[in-house]
Amino acid sequence: MKKLPRFVPACSLLLVTALLAACGGGSDDPAPTTVNASVTVGAATPLALNGIYATSNLSLSSVEKKNPIGNDPEVCSFRFSGLQQVGSDRLMDGDIRYIPGTGSGLYVAFVSISGAEYSSRTTDNVLIDKSSNELRFAGKRLTAGNGDALTLTGSIPMRPESRPEGC
């Protein structure tokens, strides 16, 4: 039986690493940017969630087009993280999914603040502004499974590079 030279396994590892890097690291986890973002939470239950959430280095994933099996439609999807409530250690993260080719076709928005998840599946009070690379909330109401709710006003940027057609 022939033995492979020692450098072959190392070359294989480098090849796998390069391939994962080329497709975004093998994950759709948000990566740090130098992008500013700010949203205001109002009319929240619990009241402590009310306030401004902002950062000068929002973490963003790339916008990806996903076509799931089943009844869910094809969506453009991206995630964000790192919005911190001013004067608090509370953090806001999110997962945004919208219908390709539309400006107000939000499919679902998920927002998590310190582990509590809120969502909305309606298109009211949100604009997907692809030319400005941002999602704008204007009094967008999101609810939690336990009946708690909050309202978002502000914008979340999207990565402009390599966005799939219609996204």
N, C-alpha and C. Protein backbone atom coordinates (compact mmCIF):
# COMPACT_ATOMS: atom_id res chain seq x y z
N MET A 1 0.82 -1.18 0.00
CA MET A 1 0.00 0.00 0.00
C MET A 1 0.87 1.25 0.00
N LYS A 2 0.55 2.19 -0.92
CA LYS A 2 1.34 3.42 -1.02
C LYS A 2 0.88 4.43 0.02
N LYS A 3 1.83 5.17 0.54
CA LYS A 3 1.52 6.24 1.47
C LYS A 3 1.56 7.57 0.71
N LEU A 4 0.63 8.45 1.06
CA LEU A 4 0.62 9.78 0.46
C LEU A 4 1.65 10.65 1.15
N PRO A 5 2.27 11.55 0.40
CA PRO A 5 3.20 12.47 1.05
C PRO A 5 2.47 13.28 2.13
N ARG A 6 3.21 13.73 3.13
CA ARG A 6 2.62 14.45 4.25
C ARG A 6 1.93 15.75 3.84
N PHE A 7 2.35 16.37 2.77
CA PHE A 7 1.75 17.65 2.39
C PHE A 7 0.36 17.50 1.78
N VAL A 8 -0.04 16.31 1.34
CA VAL A 8 -1.36 16.11 0.71
C VAL A 8 -2.50 16.42 1.68
N PRO A 9 -2.49 15.88 2.95
CA PRO A 9 -3.57 16.24 3.87
C PRO A 9 -3.61 17.75 4.14
N ALA A 10 -2.45 18.37 4.26
CA ALA A 10 -2.42 19.81 4.50
C ALA A 10 -3.00 20.57 3.31
N CYS A 11 -2.67 20.14 2.09
CA CYS A 11 -3.23 20.78 0.90
C CYS A 11 -4.74 20.60 0.84
N SER A 12 -5.22 19.41 1.24
CA SER A 12 -6.66 19.16 1.25
C SER A 12 -7.36 20.09 2.21
N LEU A 13 -6.79 20.29 3.39
CA LEU A 13 -7.37 21.20 4.38
C LEU A 13 -7.40 22.63 3.85
N LEU A 14 -6.34 23.06 3.19
CA LEU A 14 -6.31 24.40 2.61
C LEU A 14 -7.37 24.57 1.53
N LEU A 15 -7.58 23.53 0.72
CA LEU A 15 -8.58 23.57 -0.34
C LEU A 15 -9.99 23.72 0.26
N VAL A 16 -10.30 22.91 1.28
CA VAL A 16 -11.62 23.00 1.93
C VAL A 16 -11.81 24.39 2.54
N THR A 17 -10.79 24.91 3.20
CA THR A 17 -10.87 26.25 3.79
C THR A 17 -11.12 27.30 2.73
N ALA A 18 -10.42 27.21 1.60
CA ALA A 18 -10.60 28.18 0.52
C ALA A 18 -12.01 28.10 -0.06
N LEU A 19 -12.52 26.89 -0.23
CA LEU A 19 -13.88 26.73 -0.77
C LEU A 19 -14.92 27.31 0.18
N LEU A 20 -14.77 27.08 1.48
CA LEU A 20 -15.71 27.65 2.45
C LEU A 20 -15.64 29.16 2.46
N ALA A 21 -14.45 29.72 2.36
CA ALA A 21 -14.30 31.18 2.33
C ALA A 21 -14.96 31.76 1.09
N ALA A 22 -14.86 31.07 -0.03
CA ALA A 22 -15.44 31.57 -1.27
C ALA A 22 -16.97 31.62 -1.21
N CYS A 23 -17.57 30.74 -0.41
CA CYS A 23 -19.03 30.76 -0.34
C CYS A 23 -19.52 31.43 0.94
N GLY A 24 -18.69 32.28 1.52
CA GLY A 24 -19.12 33.04 2.68
C GLY A 24 -18.81 32.35 3.99
N GLY A 25 -17.89 31.41 4.00
CA GLY A 25 -17.48 30.78 5.24
C GLY A 25 -18.33 29.59 5.64
N GLY A 26 -19.26 29.19 4.80
CA GLY A 26 -20.07 28.03 5.13
C GLY A 26 -21.17 28.34 6.11
N SER A 27 -21.46 29.61 6.34
CA SER A 27 -22.46 29.99 7.33
C SER A 27 -23.10 31.30 6.93
N ASP A 28 -24.34 31.51 7.35
CA ASP A 28 -24.97 32.80 7.09
C ASP A 28 -24.98 33.65 8.35
N ASP A 29 -24.01 33.40 9.25
CA ASP A 29 -23.90 34.20 10.46
C ASP A 29 -23.49 35.63 10.09
N PRO A 30 -24.06 36.61 10.78
CA PRO A 30 -23.69 38.00 10.51
C PRO A 30 -22.22 38.25 10.84
N ALA A 31 -21.56 39.03 9.99
CA ALA A 31 -20.16 39.39 10.18
C ALA A 31 -20.07 40.90 10.44
N PRO A 32 -19.12 41.32 11.28
CA PRO A 32 -18.99 42.75 11.61
C PRO A 32 -18.75 43.60 10.37
N THR A 33 -19.33 44.80 10.37
CA THR A 33 -19.13 45.79 9.31
C THR A 33 -18.80 47.12 9.98
N THR A 34 -18.64 48.14 9.17
CA THR A 34 -18.46 49.50 9.71
C THR A 34 -19.72 50.32 9.44
N VAL A 35 -20.85 49.63 9.32
CA VAL A 35 -22.12 50.26 8.98
C VAL A 35 -22.86 50.70 10.25
N ASN A 36 -23.38 51.93 10.23
CA ASN A 36 -24.20 52.45 11.33
C ASN A 36 -25.63 51.96 11.18
N ALA A 37 -26.29 51.76 12.31
CA ALA A 37 -27.71 51.40 12.30
C ALA A 37 -28.34 51.89 13.59
N SER A 38 -29.63 52.25 13.49
CA SER A 38 -30.36 52.71 14.66
C SER A 38 -31.84 52.42 14.46
N VAL A 39 -32.46 51.85 15.49
CA VAL A 39 -33.90 51.62 15.51
C VAL A 39 -34.41 52.02 16.89
N THR A 40 -35.64 52.49 16.90
CA THR A 40 -36.29 52.84 18.15
C THR A 40 -37.38 51.83 18.43
N VAL A 41 -37.39 51.32 19.65
CA VAL A 41 -38.44 50.42 20.11
C VAL A 41 -39.38 51.24 20.98
N GLY A 42 -40.68 51.16 20.66
CA GLY A 42 -41.70 51.85 21.44
C GLY A 42 -42.86 50.94 21.73
N ALA A 43 -43.74 51.37 22.61
CA ALA A 43 -44.96 50.63 22.98
C ALA A 43 -44.67 49.17 23.30
N ALA A 44 -43.53 48.93 23.97
CA ALA A 44 -43.09 47.57 24.24
C ALA A 44 -43.64 47.04 25.56
N THR A 45 -43.94 45.77 25.55
CA THR A 45 -44.18 45.04 26.79
C THR A 45 -43.18 43.90 26.80
N PRO A 46 -42.28 43.90 27.76
CA PRO A 46 -42.16 44.77 28.91
C PRO A 46 -41.61 46.16 28.56
N LEU A 47 -41.94 47.15 29.38
CA LEU A 47 -41.58 48.54 29.14
C LEU A 47 -40.07 48.76 29.06
N ALA A 48 -39.29 47.96 29.75
CA ALA A 48 -37.83 48.14 29.76
C ALA A 48 -37.20 48.01 28.37
N LEU A 49 -37.91 47.40 27.43
CA LEU A 49 -37.37 47.24 26.07
C LEU A 49 -37.46 48.54 25.26
N ASN A 50 -38.28 49.50 25.69
CA ASN A 50 -38.41 50.76 24.97
C ASN A 50 -37.08 51.50 24.96
N GLY A 51 -36.77 52.14 23.84
CA GLY A 51 -35.55 52.93 23.74
C GLY A 51 -34.91 52.83 22.38
N ILE A 52 -33.76 53.43 22.27
CA ILE A 52 -32.99 53.44 21.02
C ILE A 52 -31.96 52.31 21.07
N TYR A 53 -31.88 51.57 19.98
CA TYR A 53 -30.89 50.51 19.80
C TYR A 53 -30.00 50.94 18.63
N ALA A 54 -28.71 51.05 18.89
CA ALA A 54 -27.83 51.60 17.85
C ALA A 54 -26.44 50.97 17.92
N THR A 55 -25.74 51.10 16.81
CA THR A 55 -24.35 50.66 16.73
C THR A 55 -23.67 51.35 15.55
N SER A 56 -22.36 51.44 15.60
CA SER A 56 -21.60 51.95 14.47
C SER A 56 -20.90 50.82 13.73
N ASN A 57 -21.14 49.59 14.17
CA ASN A 57 -20.54 48.43 13.48
C ASN A 57 -21.51 47.25 13.50
N LEU A 58 -22.62 47.43 12.81
CA LEU A 58 -23.64 46.39 12.73
C LEU A 58 -23.07 45.14 12.07
N SER A 59 -23.37 44.00 12.62
CA SER A 59 -23.00 42.73 11.98
C SER A 59 -24.12 42.32 11.03
N LEU A 60 -23.75 41.99 9.79
CA LEU A 60 -24.71 41.63 8.75
C LEU A 60 -24.28 40.37 8.02
N SER A 61 -25.25 39.56 7.65
CA SER A 61 -24.97 38.46 6.73
C SER A 61 -25.25 38.96 5.32
N SER A 62 -24.80 38.22 4.35
CA SER A 62 -25.14 38.54 2.97
C SER A 62 -26.62 38.25 2.74
N VAL A 63 -27.21 38.93 1.76
CA VAL A 63 -28.58 38.63 1.37
C VAL A 63 -28.52 37.40 0.48
N GLU A 64 -29.31 36.40 0.83
CA GLU A 64 -29.34 35.15 0.08
C GLU A 64 -30.76 34.88 -0.40
N LYS A 65 -30.87 34.22 -1.54
CA LYS A 65 -32.18 33.79 -2.03
C LYS A 65 -32.36 32.34 -1.62
N LYS A 66 -33.49 32.06 -0.97
CA LYS A 66 -33.77 30.71 -0.50
C LYS A 66 -35.10 30.25 -1.06
N ASN A 67 -35.13 29.03 -1.57
CA ASN A 67 -36.34 28.45 -2.13
C ASN A 67 -36.63 27.15 -1.40
N PRO A 68 -37.35 27.25 -0.27
CA PRO A 68 -37.56 26.06 0.56
C PRO A 68 -38.54 25.07 -0.07
N ILE A 69 -38.43 23.84 0.37
CA ILE A 69 -39.38 22.80 -0.03
C ILE A 69 -40.67 23.01 0.76
N GLY A 70 -41.80 22.77 0.14
CA GLY A 70 -43.07 22.90 0.85
C GLY A 70 -43.85 24.12 0.40
N ASN A 71 -44.68 24.64 1.27
CA ASN A 71 -45.58 25.73 0.92
C ASN A 71 -44.98 27.12 1.08
N ASP A 72 -43.84 27.25 1.73
CA ASP A 72 -43.24 28.56 1.89
C ASP A 72 -42.71 29.06 0.55
N PRO A 73 -42.88 30.37 0.28
CA PRO A 73 -42.41 30.91 -1.01
C PRO A 73 -40.90 31.15 -1.01
N GLU A 74 -40.37 31.37 -2.20
CA GLU A 74 -38.98 31.78 -2.34
C GLU A 74 -38.83 33.14 -1.66
N VAL A 75 -37.75 33.31 -0.89
CA VAL A 75 -37.52 34.56 -0.17
C VAL A 75 -36.07 35.00 -0.31
N CYS A 76 -35.87 36.29 -0.14
CA CYS A 76 -34.55 36.86 0.07
C CYS A 76 -34.40 36.97 1.58
N SER A 77 -33.24 36.62 2.10
CA SER A 77 -33.08 36.52 3.54
C SER A 77 -31.74 37.08 3.96
N PHE A 78 -31.73 37.80 5.10
CA PHE A 78 -30.47 38.22 5.71
C PHE A 78 -30.66 38.35 7.21
N ARG A 79 -29.54 38.33 7.92
CA ARG A 79 -29.57 38.45 9.37
C ARG A 79 -28.70 39.62 9.80
N PHE A 80 -29.06 40.18 10.96
CA PHE A 80 -28.25 41.25 11.55
C PHE A 80 -28.10 40.98 13.04
N SER A 81 -27.08 41.58 13.63
CA SER A 81 -26.89 41.48 15.07
C SER A 81 -26.03 42.64 15.56
N GLY A 82 -26.13 42.88 16.86
CA GLY A 82 -25.26 43.86 17.50
C GLY A 82 -25.86 45.22 17.78
N LEU A 83 -27.17 45.38 17.62
CA LEU A 83 -27.79 46.66 18.00
C LEU A 83 -27.95 46.66 19.52
N GLN A 84 -27.31 47.61 20.19
CA GLN A 84 -27.36 47.67 21.65
C GLN A 84 -28.26 48.80 22.11
N GLN A 85 -29.10 48.51 23.11
CA GLN A 85 -29.97 49.54 23.67
C GLN A 85 -29.09 50.55 24.39
N VAL A 86 -29.29 51.83 24.06
CA VAL A 86 -28.52 52.90 24.68
C VAL A 86 -28.77 52.88 26.19
N GLY A 87 -27.68 52.86 26.96
CA GLY A 87 -27.77 52.85 28.42
C GLY A 87 -28.08 51.50 29.02
N SER A 88 -27.95 50.44 28.25
CA SER A 88 -28.29 49.09 28.73
C SER A 88 -27.36 48.09 28.07
N ASP A 89 -27.40 46.86 28.55
CA ASP A 89 -26.63 45.80 27.90
C ASP A 89 -27.51 44.94 27.00
N ARG A 90 -28.77 45.35 26.78
CA ARG A 90 -29.68 44.59 25.92
C ARG A 90 -29.22 44.68 24.46
N LEU A 91 -29.26 43.53 23.78
CA LEU A 91 -28.87 43.47 22.37
C LEU A 91 -30.04 43.02 21.51
N MET A 92 -30.14 43.60 20.32
CA MET A 92 -31.15 43.22 19.35
C MET A 92 -30.47 42.52 18.17
N ASP A 93 -31.03 41.38 17.78
CA ASP A 93 -30.61 40.64 16.60
C ASP A 93 -31.85 40.41 15.75
N GLY A 94 -31.67 40.08 14.48
CA GLY A 94 -32.84 39.86 13.64
C GLY A 94 -32.59 38.97 12.44
N ASP A 95 -33.68 38.51 11.89
CA ASP A 95 -33.70 37.66 10.70
C ASP A 95 -34.84 38.21 9.83
N ILE A 96 -34.50 38.72 8.65
CA ILE A 96 -35.46 39.36 7.76
C ILE A 96 -35.62 38.50 6.51
N ARG A 97 -36.87 38.27 6.11
CA ARG A 97 -37.16 37.50 4.89
C ARG A 97 -38.21 38.25 4.09
N TYR A 98 -37.92 38.48 2.81
CA TYR A 98 -38.87 39.20 1.95
C TYR A 98 -38.96 38.54 0.59
N ILE A 99 -40.06 38.82 -0.09
CA ILE A 99 -40.34 38.22 -1.39
C ILE A 99 -39.51 38.92 -2.47
N PRO A 100 -38.77 38.17 -3.31
CA PRO A 100 -37.96 38.80 -4.36
C PRO A 100 -38.82 39.62 -5.32
N GLY A 101 -38.22 40.70 -5.83
CA GLY A 101 -38.89 41.51 -6.85
C GLY A 101 -39.93 42.47 -6.32
N THR A 102 -40.04 42.62 -5.00
CA THR A 102 -41.04 43.51 -4.43
C THR A 102 -40.37 44.57 -3.56
N GLY A 103 -41.09 45.65 -3.31
CA GLY A 103 -40.58 46.71 -2.43
C GLY A 103 -41.20 46.64 -1.05
N SER A 104 -42.37 46.05 -0.96
CA SER A 104 -43.01 45.96 0.35
C SER A 104 -43.43 44.54 0.66
N GLY A 105 -42.79 43.58 0.03
CA GLY A 105 -43.18 42.19 0.18
C GLY A 105 -42.51 41.47 1.33
N LEU A 106 -42.55 42.07 2.51
CA LEU A 106 -42.00 41.40 3.67
C LEU A 106 -42.72 40.07 3.87
N TYR A 107 -41.97 39.01 4.01
CA TYR A 107 -42.59 37.71 4.29
C TYR A 107 -42.66 37.51 5.80
N VAL A 108 -41.51 37.72 6.48
CA VAL A 108 -41.50 37.65 7.94
C VAL A 108 -40.28 38.39 8.46
N ALA A 109 -40.46 39.07 9.57
CA ALA A 109 -39.35 39.72 10.28
C ALA A 109 -39.32 39.14 11.69
N PHE A 110 -38.16 38.64 12.08
CA PHE A 110 -37.94 38.17 13.44
C PHE A 110 -36.95 39.11 14.10
N VAL A 111 -37.24 39.52 15.32
CA VAL A 111 -36.32 40.33 16.10
C VAL A 111 -36.23 39.70 17.48
N SER A 112 -35.01 39.57 17.96
CA SER A 112 -34.78 39.02 19.29
C SER A 112 -34.07 40.07 20.13
N ILE A 113 -34.61 40.34 21.31
CA ILE A 113 -33.96 41.26 22.25
C ILE A 113 -33.68 40.47 23.52
N SER A 114 -32.39 40.29 23.78
CA SER A 114 -31.95 39.53 24.96
C SER A 114 -32.69 38.19 25.08
N GLY A 115 -32.87 37.52 23.96
CA GLY A 115 -33.45 36.18 23.97
C GLY A 115 -34.96 36.12 23.78
N ALA A 116 -35.66 37.24 23.89
CA ALA A 116 -37.11 37.25 23.67
C ALA A 116 -37.37 37.53 22.19
N GLU A 117 -38.13 36.64 21.52
CA GLU A 117 -38.35 36.75 20.08
C GLU A 117 -39.70 37.37 19.76
N TYR A 118 -39.67 38.34 18.84
CA TYR A 118 -40.86 39.02 18.33
C TYR A 118 -40.87 38.84 16.82
N SER A 119 -42.07 38.80 16.21
CA SER A 119 -42.12 38.62 14.76
C SER A 119 -43.37 39.27 14.17
N SER A 120 -43.33 39.44 12.86
CA SER A 120 -44.47 39.93 12.10
C SER A 120 -44.43 39.30 10.72
N ARG A 121 -45.60 38.92 10.23
CA ARG A 121 -45.74 38.36 8.89
C ARG A 121 -46.62 39.25 8.01
N THR A 122 -46.70 40.54 8.33
CA THR A 122 -47.51 41.45 7.52
C THR A 122 -46.60 42.45 6.81
N THR A 123 -47.10 43.01 5.72
CA THR A 123 -46.30 43.95 4.92
C THR A 123 -46.50 45.40 5.34
N ASP A 124 -47.39 45.68 6.28
CA ASP A 124 -47.66 47.06 6.66
C ASP A 124 -46.47 47.67 7.41
N ASN A 125 -46.28 48.97 7.21
CA ASN A 125 -45.29 49.78 7.92
C ASN A 125 -43.85 49.33 7.75
N VAL A 126 -43.54 48.77 6.58
CA VAL A 126 -42.16 48.39 6.27
C VAL A 126 -41.91 48.61 4.78
N LEU A 127 -40.73 49.10 4.45
CA LEU A 127 -40.32 49.31 3.06
C LEU A 127 -38.97 48.65 2.85
N ILE A 128 -38.88 47.83 1.84
CA ILE A 128 -37.61 47.21 1.45
C ILE A 128 -37.05 48.08 0.33
N ASP A 129 -36.09 48.93 0.68
CA ASP A 129 -35.53 49.89 -0.27
C ASP A 129 -34.20 49.33 -0.79
N LYS A 130 -34.29 48.58 -1.89
CA LYS A 130 -33.10 47.93 -2.44
C LYS A 130 -32.10 48.94 -2.99
N SER A 131 -32.58 50.04 -3.55
CA SER A 131 -31.65 51.03 -4.12
C SER A 131 -30.83 51.72 -3.03
N SER A 132 -31.38 51.84 -1.83
CA SER A 132 -30.65 52.43 -0.71
C SER A 132 -30.05 51.36 0.21
N ASN A 133 -30.24 50.09 -0.14
CA ASN A 133 -29.69 48.98 0.63
C ASN A 133 -30.14 48.99 2.09
N GLU A 134 -31.45 49.16 2.28
CA GLU A 134 -31.94 49.14 3.66
C GLU A 134 -33.40 48.72 3.74
N LEU A 135 -33.76 48.29 4.92
CA LEU A 135 -35.12 47.95 5.26
C LEU A 135 -35.59 49.01 6.24
N ARG A 136 -36.71 49.67 5.94
CA ARG A 136 -37.19 50.76 6.80
C ARG A 136 -38.48 50.37 7.51
N PHE A 137 -38.46 50.51 8.83
CA PHE A 137 -39.63 50.28 9.67
C PHE A 137 -40.24 51.63 10.04
N ALA A 138 -41.56 51.74 9.95
CA ALA A 138 -42.27 52.98 10.32
C ALA A 138 -43.43 52.62 11.24
N GLY A 139 -43.11 52.36 12.50
CA GLY A 139 -44.15 51.94 13.43
C GLY A 139 -44.59 50.51 13.19
N LYS A 140 -43.65 49.63 12.87
CA LYS A 140 -43.93 48.22 12.58
C LYS A 140 -44.16 47.45 13.88
N ARG A 141 -45.32 46.85 14.03
CA ARG A 141 -45.69 46.10 15.23
C ARG A 141 -45.26 44.64 15.10
N LEU A 142 -44.51 44.15 16.09
CA LEU A 142 -44.09 42.75 16.16
C LEU A 142 -44.59 42.17 17.47
N THR A 143 -44.97 40.91 17.46
CA THR A 143 -45.50 40.28 18.67
C THR A 143 -44.71 39.02 19.02
N ALA A 144 -44.77 38.68 20.30
CA ALA A 144 -44.12 37.47 20.80
C ALA A 144 -45.18 36.40 21.03
N GLY A 145 -44.76 35.18 21.16
CA GLY A 145 -45.68 34.07 21.38
C GLY A 145 -46.49 34.19 22.66
N ASN A 146 -45.95 34.91 23.66
CA ASN A 146 -46.64 35.06 24.93
C ASN A 146 -47.58 36.27 24.97
N GLY A 147 -47.73 36.97 23.82
CA GLY A 147 -48.61 38.12 23.76
C GLY A 147 -47.91 39.46 23.93
N ASP A 148 -46.65 39.47 24.38
CA ASP A 148 -45.90 40.73 24.45
C ASP A 148 -45.74 41.28 23.05
N ALA A 149 -45.50 42.59 22.95
CA ALA A 149 -45.37 43.22 21.63
C ALA A 149 -44.44 44.42 21.73
N LEU A 150 -44.02 44.90 20.56
CA LEU A 150 -43.23 46.12 20.46
C LEU A 150 -43.42 46.72 19.08
N THR A 151 -43.04 47.98 18.95
CA THR A 151 -43.13 48.69 17.68
C THR A 151 -41.74 49.17 17.29
N LEU A 152 -41.34 48.94 16.03
CA LEU A 152 -40.03 49.35 15.53
C LEU A 152 -40.15 50.53 14.57
N THR A 153 -39.26 51.49 14.74
CA THR A 153 -39.14 52.61 13.81
C THR A 153 -37.64 52.82 13.57
N GLY A 154 -37.24 52.88 12.31
CA GLY A 154 -35.83 53.07 11.97
C GLY A 154 -35.48 52.20 10.79
N SER A 155 -34.18 52.06 10.53
CA SER A 155 -33.77 51.27 9.37
C SER A 155 -32.67 50.30 9.71
N ILE A 156 -32.68 49.20 8.97
CA ILE A 156 -31.64 48.17 9.06
C ILE A 156 -30.99 48.08 7.68
N PRO A 157 -29.69 48.31 7.60
CA PRO A 157 -29.00 48.21 6.31
C PRO A 157 -28.92 46.76 5.83
N MET A 158 -28.74 46.61 4.52
CA MET A 158 -28.48 45.32 3.89
C MET A 158 -27.14 45.41 3.17
N ARG A 159 -26.44 44.31 3.11
CA ARG A 159 -25.19 44.29 2.34
C ARG A 159 -25.54 44.44 0.86
N PRO A 160 -24.87 45.35 0.17
CA PRO A 160 -25.20 45.57 -1.24
C PRO A 160 -24.49 44.60 -2.19
N GLU A 161 -23.37 44.06 -1.78
CA GLU A 161 -22.56 43.25 -2.69
C GLU A 161 -23.15 41.86 -2.90
N SER A 162 -23.07 41.41 -4.11
CA SER A 162 -23.45 40.05 -4.51
C SER A 162 -24.88 39.68 -4.12
N ARG A 163 -25.79 40.64 -4.17
CA ARG A 163 -27.17 40.34 -3.83
C ARG A 163 -27.80 39.61 -5.02
N PRO A 164 -28.50 38.50 -4.77
CA PRO A 164 -29.12 37.74 -5.87
C PRO A 164 -30.17 38.58 -6.61
N GLU A 165 -30.45 38.20 -7.86
CA GLU A 165 -31.44 38.91 -8.67
C GLU A 165 -32.78 38.97 -7.95
N GLY A 166 -33.39 40.15 -7.94
CA GLY A 166 -34.68 40.35 -7.30
C GLY A 166 -34.59 40.68 -5.83
N CYS A 167 -33.40 40.51 -5.26
CA CYS A 167 -33.21 40.78 -3.82
C CYS A 167 -32.65 42.17 -3.59
